């Protein structure tokens, strides 16, 4: 059991055939592929990443698995250019860096906070935002601290935020966080 498996279990519980989903940080494409399988042929999935290697890996994985998504070389902060407000059922983020990629390239609060806010506007009522928050090492703690502080300030009449913590895991284990729009 790890952060990714917890997030994927919640996605399997929440996402339905025909849903419209966004993978805001495509990375290697695993979340994108899962969202494609869950939404089926009648669903729509968008994926974003700022690294060409991540976009390539995502497209290759989707082709290998015979899945279809719209994959863009663009920042997660720009997702509102691709979808209308309150039309998205689920948005997934993996904050941190591309596994196996350049350790000097990682998400930062500068774009991640606007991306979360953009995503919250895109979510339908009843929609879910799932965040896997990787931190420490090269990334440091600035993004983690900024995101957690921001989420604590969300209006509890509009959003329910559940943050999970691995109590006995060492070395900065990533945090799974879930936001439901009421």
C-alpha atoms as a PDB file:
ATOM      1  CA  UNK A   1       0.000   0.000   0.000  1.00  0.00           C
ATOM      2  CA  UNK A   2       1.309   3.419  -0.982  1.00  0.00           C
ATOM      3  CA  UNK A   3       0.028   6.852  -1.970  1.00  0.00           C
ATOM      4  CA  UNK A   4      -0.484   5.903  -5.605  1.00  0.00           C
ATOM      5  CA  UNK A   5      -2.493   2.781  -4.730  1.00  0.00           C
ATOM      6  CA  UNK A   6      -4.696   4.751  -2.312  1.00  0.00           C
ATOM      7  CA  UNK A   7      -5.360   7.435  -4.931  1.00  0.00           C
ATOM      8  CA  UNK A   8      -6.123   4.804  -7.574  1.00  0.00           C
ATOM      9  CA  UNK A   9      -8.541   2.997  -5.254  1.00  0.00           C
ATOM     10  CA  UNK A  10     -10.443   6.244  -4.639  1.00  0.00           C
ATOM     11  CA  UNK A  11     -10.486   6.971  -8.385  1.00  0.00           C
ATOM     12  CA  UNK A  12     -11.949   3.524  -9.059  1.00  0.00           C
ATOM     13  CA  UNK A  13     -14.654   4.286  -6.493  1.00  0.00           C
ATOM     14  CA  UNK A  14     -15.453   7.763  -7.875  1.00  0.00           C
ATOM     15  CA  UNK A  15     -14.929   7.805 -11.670  1.00  0.00           C
ATOM     16  CA  UNK A  16     -17.650   6.350 -13.913  1.00  0.00           C
ATOM     17  CA  UNK A  17     -18.123   5.437 -17.573  1.00  0.00           C
ATOM     18  CA  UNK A  18     -18.660   8.591 -19.631  1.00  0.00           C
ATOM     19  CA  UNK A  19     -17.015  10.965 -17.119  1.00  0.00           C
ATOM     20  CA  UNK A  20     -14.785  13.884 -18.099  1.00  0.00           C
ATOM     21  CA  UNK A  21     -11.440  13.734 -16.270  1.00  0.00           C
ATOM     22  CA  UNK A  22      -8.148  15.600 -16.237  1.00  0.00           C
ATOM     23  CA  UNK A  23      -4.693  14.292 -15.385  1.00  0.00           C
ATOM     24  CA  UNK A  24      -3.085  17.626 -14.560  1.00  0.00           C
ATOM     25  CA  UNK A  25       0.440  16.151 -14.276  1.00  0.00           C
ATOM     26  CA  UNK A  26       0.724  13.317 -16.797  1.00  0.00           C
ATOM     27  CA  UNK A  27       4.205  12.104 -15.884  1.00  0.00           C
ATOM     28  CA  UNK A  28       4.610   8.554 -17.186  1.00  0.00           C
ATOM     29  CA  UNK A  29       0.902   8.320 -18.049  1.00  0.00           C
ATOM     30  CA  UNK A  30      -0.261   5.804 -15.458  1.00  0.00           C
ATOM     31  CA  UNK A  31      -2.998   8.037 -14.040  1.00  0.00           C
ATOM     32  CA  UNK A  32      -4.026   9.050 -17.560  1.00  0.00           C
ATOM     33  CA  UNK A  33      -4.346   5.397 -18.575  1.00  0.00           C
ATOM     34  CA  UNK A  34      -6.378   4.544 -15.480  1.00  0.00           C
ATOM     35  CA  UNK A  35      -8.735   7.475 -16.112  1.00  0.00           C
ATOM     36  CA  UNK A  36      -9.159   6.324 -19.733  1.00  0.00           C
ATOM     37  CA  UNK A  37     -10.043   2.796 -18.625  1.00  0.00           C
ATOM     38  CA  UNK A  38     -12.500   4.095 -16.006  1.00  0.00           C
ATOM     39  CA  UNK A  39     -14.253   6.601 -18.291  1.00  0.00           C
ATOM     40  CA  UNK A  40     -14.455   4.157 -21.187  1.00  0.00           C
ATOM     41  CA  UNK A  41     -15.184   4.915 -24.826  1.00  0.00           C
ATOM     42  CA  UNK A  42     -17.827   7.498 -23.943  1.00  0.00           C
ATOM     43  CA  UNK A  43     -15.597   9.435 -21.564  1.00  0.00           C
ATOM     44  CA  UNK A  44     -13.100  12.207 -22.148  1.00  0.00           C
ATOM     45  CA  UNK A  45      -9.640  12.509 -20.610  1.00  0.00           C
ATOM     46  CA  UNK A  46      -7.209  15.422 -20.874  1.00  0.00           C
ATOM     47  CA  UNK A  47      -3.587  15.166 -19.713  1.00  0.00           C
ATOM     48  CA  UNK A  48      -0.997  17.903 -19.222  1.00  0.00           C
ATOM     49  CA  UNK A  49       2.716  18.041 -18.619  1.00  0.00           C
ATOM     50  CA  UNK A  50       5.424  20.636 -19.201  1.00  0.00           C
ATOM     51  CA  UNK A  51       8.103  18.071 -20.015  1.00  0.00           C
ATOM     52  CA  UNK A  52       8.279  16.695 -23.552  1.00  0.00           C
ATOM     53  CA  UNK A  53       9.561  13.374 -22.199  1.00  0.00           C
ATOM     54  CA  UNK A  54       6.470  13.010 -19.989  1.00  0.00           C
ATOM     55  CA  UNK A  55       4.129  13.780 -22.881  1.00  0.00           C
ATOM     56  CA  UNK A  56       5.957  11.242 -25.055  1.00  0.00           C
ATOM     57  CA  UNK A  57       5.844   8.554 -22.348  1.00  0.00           C
ATOM     58  CA  UNK A  58       2.144   9.173 -21.756  1.00  0.00           C
ATOM     59  CA  UNK A  59       1.305   8.952 -25.456  1.00  0.00           C
ATOM     60  CA  UNK A  60       3.377   5.757 -25.815  1.00  0.00           C
ATOM     61  CA  UNK A  61       1.634   4.093 -22.865  1.00  0.00           C
ATOM     62  CA  UNK A  62      -1.796   5.038 -24.188  1.00  0.00           C
ATOM     63  CA  UNK A  63      -0.956   3.696 -27.666  1.00  0.00           C
ATOM     64  CA  UNK A  64       0.399   0.455 -26.179  1.00  0.00           C
ATOM     65  CA  UNK A  65      -2.810  -0.031 -24.179  1.00  0.00           C
ATOM     66  CA  UNK A  66      -5.084   1.106 -27.059  1.00  0.00           C
ATOM     67  CA  UNK A  67      -6.436   4.020 -25.025  1.00  0.00           C
ATOM     68  CA  UNK A  68      -7.260   7.541 -26.100  1.00  0.00           C
ATOM     69  CA  UNK A  69      -6.761  10.879 -24.361  1.00  0.00           C
ATOM     70  CA  UNK A  70      -5.950  14.441 -25.349  1.00  0.00           C
ATOM     71  CA  UNK A  71      -2.341  14.909 -24.182  1.00  0.00           C
ATOM     72  CA  UNK A  72      -0.946  18.447 -24.121  1.00  0.00           C
ATOM     73  CA  UNK A  73       2.526  19.872 -23.653  1.00  0.00           C
ATOM     74  CA  UNK A  74       1.298  22.643 -21.359  1.00  0.00           C
ATOM     75  CA  UNK A  75       1.266  23.632 -17.723  1.00  0.00           C
ATOM     76  CA  UNK A  76      -1.384  22.326 -15.355  1.00  0.00           C
ATOM     77  CA  UNK A  77      -1.976  25.982 -14.496  1.00  0.00           C
ATOM     78  CA  UNK A  78      -3.480  26.413 -17.996  1.00  0.00           C
ATOM     79  CA  UNK A  79      -6.063  23.624 -17.840  1.00  0.00           C
ATOM     80  CA  UNK A  80      -8.916  26.152 -17.744  1.00  0.00           C
ATOM     81  CA  UNK A  81      -8.106  26.948 -21.399  1.00  0.00           C
ATOM     82  CA  UNK A  82      -9.218  23.421 -22.333  1.00  0.00           C
ATOM     83  CA  UNK A  83     -12.420  22.931 -20.301  1.00  0.00           C
ATOM     84  CA  UNK A  84     -15.434  24.934 -19.174  1.00  0.00           C
ATOM     85  CA  UNK A  85     -16.212  25.670 -15.510  1.00  0.00           C
ATOM     86  CA  UNK A  86     -18.120  22.972 -13.622  1.00  0.00           C
ATOM     87  CA  UNK A  87     -17.821  20.376 -16.419  1.00  0.00           C
ATOM     88  CA  UNK A  88     -15.124  18.059 -15.033  1.00  0.00           C
ATOM     89  CA  UNK A  89     -15.874  15.008 -12.883  1.00  0.00           C
ATOM     90  CA  UNK A  90     -12.343  14.306 -11.637  1.00  0.00           C
ATOM     91  CA  UNK A  91      -8.905  15.931 -11.653  1.00  0.00           C
ATOM     92  CA  UNK A  92      -5.704  14.171 -10.618  1.00  0.00           C
ATOM     93  CA  UNK A  93      -2.392  15.766  -9.624  1.00  0.00           C
ATOM     94  CA  UNK A  94       0.977  14.239  -8.768  1.00  0.00           C
ATOM     95  CA  UNK A  95       3.035  17.086  -7.366  1.00  0.00           C
ATOM     96  CA  UNK A  96       6.798  16.660  -7.307  1.00  0.00           C
ATOM     97  CA  UNK A  97       8.948  15.422 -10.156  1.00  0.00           C
ATOM     98  CA  UNK A  98       8.838  12.945 -13.027  1.00  0.00           C
ATOM     99  CA  UNK A  99      10.012   9.559 -11.679  1.00  0.00           C
ATOM    100  CA  UNK A 100      13.331   8.775 -13.312  1.00  0.00           C
ATOM    101  CA  UNK A 101      13.405  12.238 -14.871  1.00  0.00           C
ATOM    102  CA  UNK A 102      15.583  15.267 -14.317  1.00  0.00           C
ATOM    103  CA  UNK A 103      15.730  15.830 -10.527  1.00  0.00           C
ATOM    104  CA  UNK A 104      16.074  19.581 -11.080  1.00  0.00           C
ATOM    105  CA  UNK A 105      12.629  19.783 -12.734  1.00  0.00           C
ATOM    106  CA  UNK A 106       9.686  19.591 -10.358  1.00  0.00           C
ATOM    107  CA  UNK A 107       6.403  21.304  -9.637  1.00  0.00           C
ATOM    108  CA  UNK A 108       6.405  24.434  -7.518  1.00  0.00           C
ATOM    109  CA  UNK A 109       3.818  26.376  -5.565  1.00  0.00           C
ATOM    110  CA  UNK A 110       4.088  29.168  -8.137  1.00  0.00           C
ATOM    111  CA  UNK A 111       2.133  27.146 -10.722  1.00  0.00           C
ATOM    112  CA  UNK A 112       0.615  24.434  -8.540  1.00  0.00           C
ATOM    113  CA  UNK A 113      -1.552  26.748  -6.420  1.00  0.00           C
ATOM    114  CA  UNK A 114      -3.111  28.458  -9.478  1.00  0.00           C
ATOM    115  CA  UNK A 115      -3.587  24.994 -11.032  1.00  0.00           C
ATOM    116  CA  UNK A 116      -5.468  23.723  -7.968  1.00  0.00           C
ATOM    117  CA  UNK A 117      -7.669  26.826  -8.001  1.00  0.00           C
ATOM    118  CA  UNK A 118      -8.320  26.468 -11.745  1.00  0.00           C
ATOM    119  CA  UNK A 119      -9.210  22.824 -11.212  1.00  0.00           C
ATOM    120  CA  UNK A 120     -11.621  23.613  -8.401  1.00  0.00           C
ATOM    121  CA  UNK A 121     -13.518  25.947 -10.753  1.00  0.00           C
ATOM    122  CA  UNK A 122     -13.631  23.248 -13.428  1.00  0.00           C
ATOM    123  CA  UNK A 123     -15.021  20.572 -11.093  1.00  0.00           C
ATOM    124  CA  UNK A 124     -18.720  19.761 -11.179  1.00  0.00           C
ATOM    125  CA  UNK A 125     -20.640  19.595  -7.944  1.00  0.00           C
ATOM    126  CA  UNK A 126     -19.895  16.133  -6.564  1.00  0.00           C
ATOM    127  CA  UNK A 127     -16.585  16.079  -8.454  1.00  0.00           C
ATOM    128  CA  UNK A 128     -13.285  14.900  -6.996  1.00  0.00           C
ATOM    129  CA  UNK A 129      -9.767  16.292  -7.049  1.00  0.00           C
ATOM    130  CA  UNK A 130      -7.078  13.811  -5.998  1.00  0.00           C
ATOM    131  CA  UNK A 131      -3.593  15.018  -5.117  1.00  0.00           C
ATOM    132  CA  UNK A 132      -0.477  12.939  -4.524  1.00  0.00           C
ATOM    133  CA  UNK A 133       1.883  15.373  -2.843  1.00  0.00           C
ATOM    134  CA  UNK A 134       5.523  14.323  -3.187  1.00  0.00           C
ATOM    135  CA  UNK A 135       8.028  16.493  -1.326  1.00  0.00           C
ATOM    136  CA  UNK A 136      11.467  16.517   0.266  1.00  0.00           C
ATOM    137  CA  UNK A 137      14.817  15.809  -1.371  1.00  0.00           C
ATOM    138  CA  UNK A 138      15.377  18.158  -4.326  1.00  0.00           C
ATOM    139  CA  UNK A 139      11.811  19.491  -4.121  1.00  0.00           C
ATOM    140  CA  UNK A 140      12.106  20.635  -0.549  1.00  0.00           C
ATOM    141  CA  UNK A 141       9.023  21.471   1.509  1.00  0.00           C
ATOM    142  CA  UNK A 142       7.890  24.853   0.174  1.00  0.00           C
ATOM    143  CA  UNK A 143       5.295  23.483  -2.265  1.00  0.00           C
ATOM    144  CA  UNK A 144       3.937  20.985   0.265  1.00  0.00           C
ATOM    145  CA  UNK A 145       3.553  23.639   2.948  1.00  0.00           C
ATOM    146  CA  UNK A 146       1.932  26.133   0.545  1.00  0.00           C
ATOM    147  CA  UNK A 147      -0.572  23.601  -0.807  1.00  0.00           C
ATOM    148  CA  UNK A 148      -1.539  22.305   2.625  1.00  0.00           C
ATOM    149  CA  UNK A 149      -2.007  25.841   3.958  1.00  0.00           C
ATOM    150  CA  UNK A 150      -4.097  26.749   0.912  1.00  0.00           C
ATOM    151  CA  UNK A 151      -6.335  23.688   1.222  1.00  0.00           C
ATOM    152  CA  UNK A 152      -6.984  24.421   4.904  1.00  0.00           C
ATOM    153  CA  UNK A 153      -8.469  27.778   3.825  1.00  0.00           C
ATOM    154  CA  UNK A 154     -11.000  26.365   1.338  1.00  0.00           C
ATOM    155  CA  UNK A 155     -14.631  27.123   2.184  1.00  0.00           C
ATOM    156  CA  UNK A 156     -16.001  24.081   4.019  1.00  0.00           C
ATOM    157  CA  UNK A 157     -19.477  24.797   2.645  1.00  0.00           C
ATOM    158  CA  UNK A 158     -18.163  24.253  -0.881  1.00  0.00           C
ATOM    159  CA  UNK A 159     -15.348  21.716  -0.469  1.00  0.00           C
ATOM    160  CA  UNK A 160     -14.586  18.728   1.711  1.00  0.00           C
ATOM    161  CA  UNK A 161     -10.833  18.164   2.013  1.00  0.00           C
ATOM    162  CA  UNK A 162      -9.391  14.915   3.338  1.00  0.00           C
ATOM    163  CA  UNK A 163      -5.632  14.782   3.873  1.00  0.00           C
ATOM    164  CA  UNK A 164      -3.993  11.480   4.736  1.00  0.00           C
ATOM    165  CA  UNK A 165      -0.641  10.983   6.458  1.00  0.00           C
ATOM    166  CA  UNK A 166       1.560   7.892   6.671  1.00  0.00           C
ATOM    167  CA  UNK A 167       2.204   7.881  10.403  1.00  0.00           C
ATOM    168  CA  UNK A 168       5.017   5.314  10.577  1.00  0.00           C
ATOM    169  CA  UNK A 169       6.745   5.735   7.205  1.00  0.00           C
ATOM    170  CA  UNK A 170      10.147   7.370   7.073  1.00  0.00           C
ATOM    171  CA  UNK A 171      11.820   9.653   4.519  1.00  0.00           C
ATOM    172  CA  UNK A 172       9.024  12.060   3.581  1.00  0.00           C
ATOM    173  CA  UNK A 173       6.353   9.698   2.238  1.00  0.00           C
ATOM    174  CA  UNK A 174       4.019  11.390  -0.279  1.00  0.00           C
ATOM    175  CA  UNK A 175       0.638  12.525   1.011  1.00  0.00           C
ATOM    176  CA  UNK A 176      -2.659  11.484  -0.587  1.00  0.00           C
ATOM    177  CA  UNK A 177      -5.215  14.327  -0.445  1.00  0.00           C
ATOM    178  CA  UNK A 178      -8.784  14.340  -1.710  1.00  0.00           C
ATOM    179  CA  UNK A 179     -11.130  17.267  -2.334  1.00  0.00           C
ATOM    180  CA  UNK A 180     -14.825  16.840  -3.079  1.00  0.00           C
ATOM    181  CA  UNK A 181     -16.868  19.725  -4.393  1.00  0.00           C
ATOM    182  CA  UNK A 182     -20.187  19.920  -2.561  1.00  0.00           C
END
